[in-house]
Amino acid sequence: MTTGVFNNMTQFTEVSKSTAAQTQTEPSVSVKESLPAVKVETPSKSDSFETSTKKEEKKTKRGPIKALKNTIANIKKYFASVKAYTKGFFKGIFKGGIAASVAYTGISIYNKIKKKPANSKLGLIVGGVIMAGSLIANIWNASLDLSEKKSEIDHRWTGHTK
């Protein structure tokens, strides 16, 4: 099932060989002949590179005021972390508890209307998933708020560079 696309390939290669032969017969001009006013020299050294073997430079010692500011900033960041995650945890438990109880009650009412058995576990499962989702979402938001708070503390107490 050949379409014949490559049938004239030999003609193409013969043409390209003849044009290559024509270009080789033209006289070549060296760089020195084409630019006589420019002094062209061969480089005395070959290109090379050196690898650095010394270790990273040690950090410069900070003064007592800068050390005190860093200590205060670290303490503030620690307490900000505790506050943010505690707030996120309890907020997630509270909101998740409300949403889970609404879901559980709704499923229980639905089961009573449809006259299904009251010991159905669907309400517990849905309520638990909602509770876990709310808790995870609130802790996630707390971590985002904490990142912002930490950057504000760094900006105020340690400046832009450490």
C-alpha atoms as a PDB file:
ATOM      1  CA  MET A   1       0.000   0.000   0.000  1.00  0.00           C
ATOM      2  CA  THR A   2       2.596   2.552  -1.165  1.00  0.00           C
ATOM      3  CA  THR A   3       1.370   5.961  -2.248  1.00  0.00           C
ATOM      4  CA  GLY A   4       4.434   6.785  -4.324  1.00  0.00           C
ATOM      5  CA  VAL A   5       5.463   9.823  -2.331  1.00  0.00           C
ATOM      6  CA  PHE A   6       9.091   8.712  -2.170  1.00  0.00           C
ATOM      7  CA  ASN A   7       9.393   7.444  -5.754  1.00  0.00           C
ATOM      8  CA  ASN A   8      11.418  10.465  -6.973  1.00  0.00           C
ATOM      9  CA  MET A   9      13.794  10.476  -3.995  1.00  0.00           C
ATOM     10  CA  THR A  10      16.816   9.502  -6.120  1.00  0.00           C
ATOM     11  CA  GLN A  11      16.300  12.515  -8.391  1.00  0.00           C
ATOM     12  CA  PHE A  12      16.311  14.804  -5.379  1.00  0.00           C
ATOM     13  CA  THR A  13      19.546  13.398  -3.950  1.00  0.00           C
ATOM     14  CA  GLU A  14      21.309  13.682  -7.319  1.00  0.00           C
ATOM     15  CA  VAL A  15      20.269  17.336  -7.636  1.00  0.00           C
ATOM     16  CA  SER A  16      21.434  18.149  -4.104  1.00  0.00           C
ATOM     17  CA  LYS A  17      24.819  16.477  -4.761  1.00  0.00           C
ATOM     18  CA  SER A  18      25.359  18.542  -7.903  1.00  0.00           C
ATOM     19  CA  THR A  19      24.583  21.827  -6.123  1.00  0.00           C
ATOM     20  CA  ALA A  20      26.951  20.833  -3.316  1.00  0.00           C
ATOM     21  CA  ALA A  21      29.710  20.194  -5.862  1.00  0.00           C
ATOM     22  CA  GLN A  22      29.145  23.632  -7.424  1.00  0.00           C
ATOM     23  CA  THR A  23      29.496  25.412  -4.098  1.00  0.00           C
ATOM     24  CA  GLN A  24      32.759  23.644  -3.312  1.00  0.00           C
ATOM     25  CA  THR A  25      34.410  24.795  -6.556  1.00  0.00           C
ATOM     26  CA  GLU A  26      33.946  28.465  -5.689  1.00  0.00           C
ATOM     27  CA  PRO A  27      37.129  30.057  -4.315  1.00  0.00           C
ATOM     28  CA  SER A  28      37.129  30.384  -0.567  1.00  0.00           C
ATOM     29  CA  VAL A  29      38.243  33.572   1.139  1.00  0.00           C
ATOM     30  CA  SER A  30      39.893  33.437   4.534  1.00  0.00           C
ATOM     31  CA  VAL A  31      39.086  35.826   7.331  1.00  0.00           C
ATOM     32  CA  LYS A  32      42.523  37.437   7.132  1.00  0.00           C
ATOM     33  CA  GLU A  33      42.037  38.255   3.429  1.00  0.00           C
ATOM     34  CA  SER A  34      38.512  39.654   3.810  1.00  0.00           C
ATOM     35  CA  LEU A  35      39.361  41.882   6.767  1.00  0.00           C
ATOM     36  CA  PRO A  36      42.906  43.142   6.157  1.00  0.00           C
ATOM     37  CA  ALA A  37      42.563  46.118   8.517  1.00  0.00           C
ATOM     38  CA  VAL A  38      41.647  43.944  11.478  1.00  0.00           C
ATOM     39  CA  LYS A  39      44.393  42.062  13.238  1.00  0.00           C
ATOM     40  CA  VAL A  40      43.296  38.425  13.559  1.00  0.00           C
ATOM     41  CA  GLU A  41      45.247  36.279  15.966  1.00  0.00           C
ATOM     42  CA  THR A  42      44.775  32.836  17.294  1.00  0.00           C
ATOM     43  CA  PRO A  43      44.043  32.777  21.012  1.00  0.00           C
ATOM     44  CA  SER A  44      47.007  31.965  23.201  1.00  0.00           C
ATOM     45  CA  LYS A  45      44.913  30.145  25.800  1.00  0.00           C
ATOM     46  CA  SER A  46      42.156  27.697  25.232  1.00  0.00           C
ATOM     47  CA  ASP A  47      38.796  28.299  26.847  1.00  0.00           C
ATOM     48  CA  SER A  48      38.663  26.834  30.313  1.00  0.00           C
ATOM     49  CA  PHE A  49      36.775  27.110  33.538  1.00  0.00           C
ATOM     50  CA  GLU A  50      37.694  26.803  37.180  1.00  0.00           C
ATOM     51  CA  THR A  51      35.593  25.097  39.764  1.00  0.00           C
ATOM     52  CA  SER A  52      35.345  26.700  43.138  1.00  0.00           C
ATOM     53  CA  THR A  53      36.421  24.450  45.974  1.00  0.00           C
ATOM     54  CA  LYS A  54      35.880  26.812  48.853  1.00  0.00           C
ATOM     55  CA  LYS A  55      32.758  26.427  50.930  1.00  0.00           C
ATOM     56  CA  GLU A  56      30.071  29.020  51.175  1.00  0.00           C
ATOM     57  CA  GLU A  57      31.140  32.117  52.958  1.00  0.00           C
ATOM     58  CA  LYS A  58      30.173  32.191  56.589  1.00  0.00           C
ATOM     59  CA  LYS A  59      27.417  34.521  57.606  1.00  0.00           C
ATOM     60  CA  THR A  60      28.547  37.675  59.223  1.00  0.00           C
ATOM     61  CA  LYS A  61      27.850  37.926  62.911  1.00  0.00           C
ATOM     62  CA  ARG A  62      24.979  40.107  63.865  1.00  0.00           C
ATOM     63  CA  GLY A  63      25.071  42.597  66.621  1.00  0.00           C
ATOM     64  CA  PRO A  64      23.184  42.190  69.889  1.00  0.00           C
ATOM     65  CA  ILE A  65      20.323  44.429  68.765  1.00  0.00           C
ATOM     66  CA  LYS A  66      19.758  42.445  65.574  1.00  0.00           C
ATOM     67  CA  ALA A  67      19.901  39.186  67.546  1.00  0.00           C
ATOM     68  CA  LEU A  68      17.348  40.545  70.023  1.00  0.00           C
ATOM     69  CA  LYS A  69      15.048  41.592  67.184  1.00  0.00           C
ATOM     70  CA  ASN A  70      15.310  38.126  65.600  1.00  0.00           C
ATOM     71  CA  THR A  71      14.524  36.480  68.939  1.00  0.00           C
ATOM     72  CA  ILE A  72      11.469  38.684  69.460  1.00  0.00           C
ATOM     73  CA  ALA A  73      10.306  37.998  65.896  1.00  0.00           C
ATOM     74  CA  ASN A  74      10.674  34.224  66.378  1.00  0.00           C
ATOM     75  CA  ILE A  75       8.692  34.320  69.633  1.00  0.00           C
ATOM     76  CA  LYS A  76       5.961  36.396  67.998  1.00  0.00           C
ATOM     77  CA  LYS A  77       5.819  33.972  65.034  1.00  0.00           C
ATOM     78  CA  TYR A  78       5.521  31.004  67.404  1.00  0.00           C
ATOM     79  CA  PHE A  79       2.580  32.493  69.270  1.00  0.00           C
ATOM     80  CA  ALA A  80       0.985  33.607  66.003  1.00  0.00           C
ATOM     81  CA  SER A  81       1.227  29.993  64.804  1.00  0.00           C
ATOM     82  CA  VAL A  82      -0.369  28.636  67.955  1.00  0.00           C
ATOM     83  CA  LYS A  83      -3.152  31.222  67.783  1.00  0.00           C
ATOM     84  CA  ALA A  84      -3.888  30.702  64.069  1.00  0.00           C
ATOM     85  CA  TYR A  85      -3.988  26.907  64.180  1.00  0.00           C
ATOM     86  CA  THR A  86      -6.026  26.835  67.404  1.00  0.00           C
ATOM     87  CA  LYS A  87      -8.510  29.293  65.955  1.00  0.00           C
ATOM     88  CA  GLY A  88      -8.712  27.296  62.713  1.00  0.00           C
ATOM     89  CA  PHE A  89      -9.202  24.024  64.582  1.00  0.00           C
ATOM     90  CA  PHE A  90     -12.037  25.237  66.803  1.00  0.00           C
ATOM     91  CA  LYS A  91     -13.670  27.182  63.983  1.00  0.00           C
ATOM     92  CA  GLY A  92     -13.585  24.025  61.840  1.00  0.00           C
ATOM     93  CA  ILE A  93     -15.043  21.921  64.653  1.00  0.00           C
ATOM     94  CA  PHE A  94     -17.815  24.465  65.282  1.00  0.00           C
ATOM     95  CA  LYS A  95     -18.804  25.033  61.650  1.00  0.00           C
ATOM     96  CA  GLY A  96     -18.332  21.374  60.771  1.00  0.00           C
ATOM     97  CA  GLY A  97     -20.458  20.314  63.731  1.00  0.00           C
ATOM     98  CA  ILE A  98     -23.304  22.553  62.665  1.00  0.00           C
ATOM     99  CA  ALA A  99     -23.133  21.399  59.036  1.00  0.00           C
ATOM    100  CA  ALA A 100     -22.815  17.732  60.037  1.00  0.00           C
ATOM    101  CA  SER A 101     -25.797  17.933  62.402  1.00  0.00           C
ATOM    102  CA  VAL A 102     -27.913  19.577  59.700  1.00  0.00           C
ATOM    103  CA  ALA A 103     -26.926  16.824  57.238  1.00  0.00           C
ATOM    104  CA  TYR A 104     -27.589  14.067  59.781  1.00  0.00           C
ATOM    105  CA  THR A 105     -30.973  15.540  60.712  1.00  0.00           C
ATOM    106  CA  GLY A 106     -31.921  15.973  57.055  1.00  0.00           C
ATOM    107  CA  ILE A 107     -31.040  12.370  56.235  1.00  0.00           C
ATOM    108  CA  SER A 108     -32.936  11.138  59.321  1.00  0.00           C
ATOM    109  CA  ILE A 109     -36.045  13.084  58.286  1.00  0.00           C
ATOM    110  CA  TYR A 110     -35.717  11.711  54.751  1.00  0.00           C
ATOM    111  CA  ASN A 111     -35.482   8.149  56.128  1.00  0.00           C
ATOM    112  CA  LYS A 112     -38.617   8.666  58.269  1.00  0.00           C
ATOM    113  CA  ILE A 113     -40.561  10.033  55.307  1.00  0.00           C
ATOM    114  CA  LYS A 114     -39.525   7.098  53.094  1.00  0.00           C
ATOM    115  CA  LYS A 115     -40.116   4.686  56.018  1.00  0.00           C
ATOM    116  CA  LYS A 116     -36.581   3.305  55.910  1.00  0.00           C
ATOM    117  CA  PRO A 117     -34.991   1.730  59.002  1.00  0.00           C
ATOM    118  CA  ALA A 118     -33.777   4.274  61.550  1.00  0.00           C
ATOM    119  CA  ASN A 119     -30.410   2.551  62.063  1.00  0.00           C
ATOM    120  CA  SER A 120     -29.099   3.671  58.672  1.00  0.00           C
ATOM    121  CA  LYS A 121     -25.416   4.676  58.792  1.00  0.00           C
ATOM    122  CA  LEU A 122     -25.661   7.061  55.850  1.00  0.00           C
ATOM    123  CA  GLY A 123     -26.348  10.065  58.086  1.00  0.00           C
ATOM    124  CA  LEU A 124     -23.301   9.330  60.227  1.00  0.00           C
ATOM    125  CA  ILE A 125     -21.048   8.863  57.209  1.00  0.00           C
ATOM    126  CA  VAL A 126     -22.219  12.034  55.456  1.00  0.00           C
ATOM    127  CA  GLY A 127     -21.989  14.019  58.706  1.00  0.00           C
ATOM    128  CA  GLY A 128     -18.465  12.741  59.352  1.00  0.00           C
ATOM    129  CA  VAL A 129     -17.312  13.613  55.840  1.00  0.00           C
ATOM    130  CA  ILE A 130     -18.767  17.111  56.143  1.00  0.00           C
ATOM    131  CA  MET A 131     -17.153  17.558  59.560  1.00  0.00           C
ATOM    132  CA  ALA A 132     -13.733  16.420  58.274  1.00  0.00           C
ATOM    133  CA  GLY A 133     -14.007  18.620  55.184  1.00  0.00           C
ATOM    134  CA  SER A 134     -14.875  21.663  57.259  1.00  0.00           C
ATOM    135  CA  LEU A 135     -12.011  21.018  59.658  1.00  0.00           C
ATOM    136  CA  ILE A 136      -9.487  20.592  56.843  1.00  0.00           C
ATOM    137  CA  ALA A 137     -10.719  23.714  55.039  1.00  0.00           C
ATOM    138  CA  ASN A 138     -10.492  25.860  58.166  1.00  0.00           C
ATOM    139  CA  ILE A 139      -7.006  24.623  59.043  1.00  0.00           C
ATOM    140  CA  TRP A 140      -5.927  25.287  55.434  1.00  0.00           C
ATOM    141  CA  ASN A 141      -7.250  28.860  55.666  1.00  0.00           C
ATOM    142  CA  ALA A 142      -5.508  29.265  59.018  1.00  0.00           C
ATOM    143  CA  SER A 143      -2.185  28.264  57.450  1.00  0.00           C
ATOM    144  CA  LEU A 144      -2.661  30.830  54.668  1.00  0.00           C
ATOM    145  CA  ASP A 145      -3.493  33.547  57.189  1.00  0.00           C
ATOM    146  CA  LEU A 146      -0.479  32.489  59.238  1.00  0.00           C
ATOM    147  CA  SER A 147       1.866  32.900  56.259  1.00  0.00           C
ATOM    148  CA  GLU A 148       0.661  36.447  55.840  1.00  0.00           C
ATOM    149  CA  LYS A 149       1.014  37.169  59.554  1.00  0.00           C
ATOM    150  CA  LYS A 150       4.558  35.751  59.656  1.00  0.00           C
ATOM    151  CA  SER A 151       5.616  37.919  56.724  1.00  0.00           C
ATOM    152  CA  GLU A 152       4.219  40.989  58.506  1.00  0.00           C
ATOM    153  CA  ILE A 153       6.199  40.083  61.640  1.00  0.00           C
ATOM    154  CA  ASP A 154       9.380  39.560  59.597  1.00  0.00           C
ATOM    155  CA  HIS A 155       8.864  42.850  57.809  1.00  0.00           C
ATOM    156  CA  ARG A 156       8.411  44.769  61.026  1.00  0.00           C
ATOM    157  CA  TRP A 157      11.074  43.154  63.187  1.00  0.00           C
ATOM    158  CA  THR A 158      13.826  41.893  60.887  1.00  0.00           C
ATOM    159  CA  GLY A 159      13.447  44.061  57.785  1.00  0.00           C
ATOM    160  CA  HIS A 160      13.472  42.977  54.171  1.00  0.00           C
ATOM    161  CA  THR A 161      16.654  40.920  54.257  1.00  0.00           C
ATOM    162  CA  LYS A 162      17.848  38.464  56.814  1.00  0.00           C
END
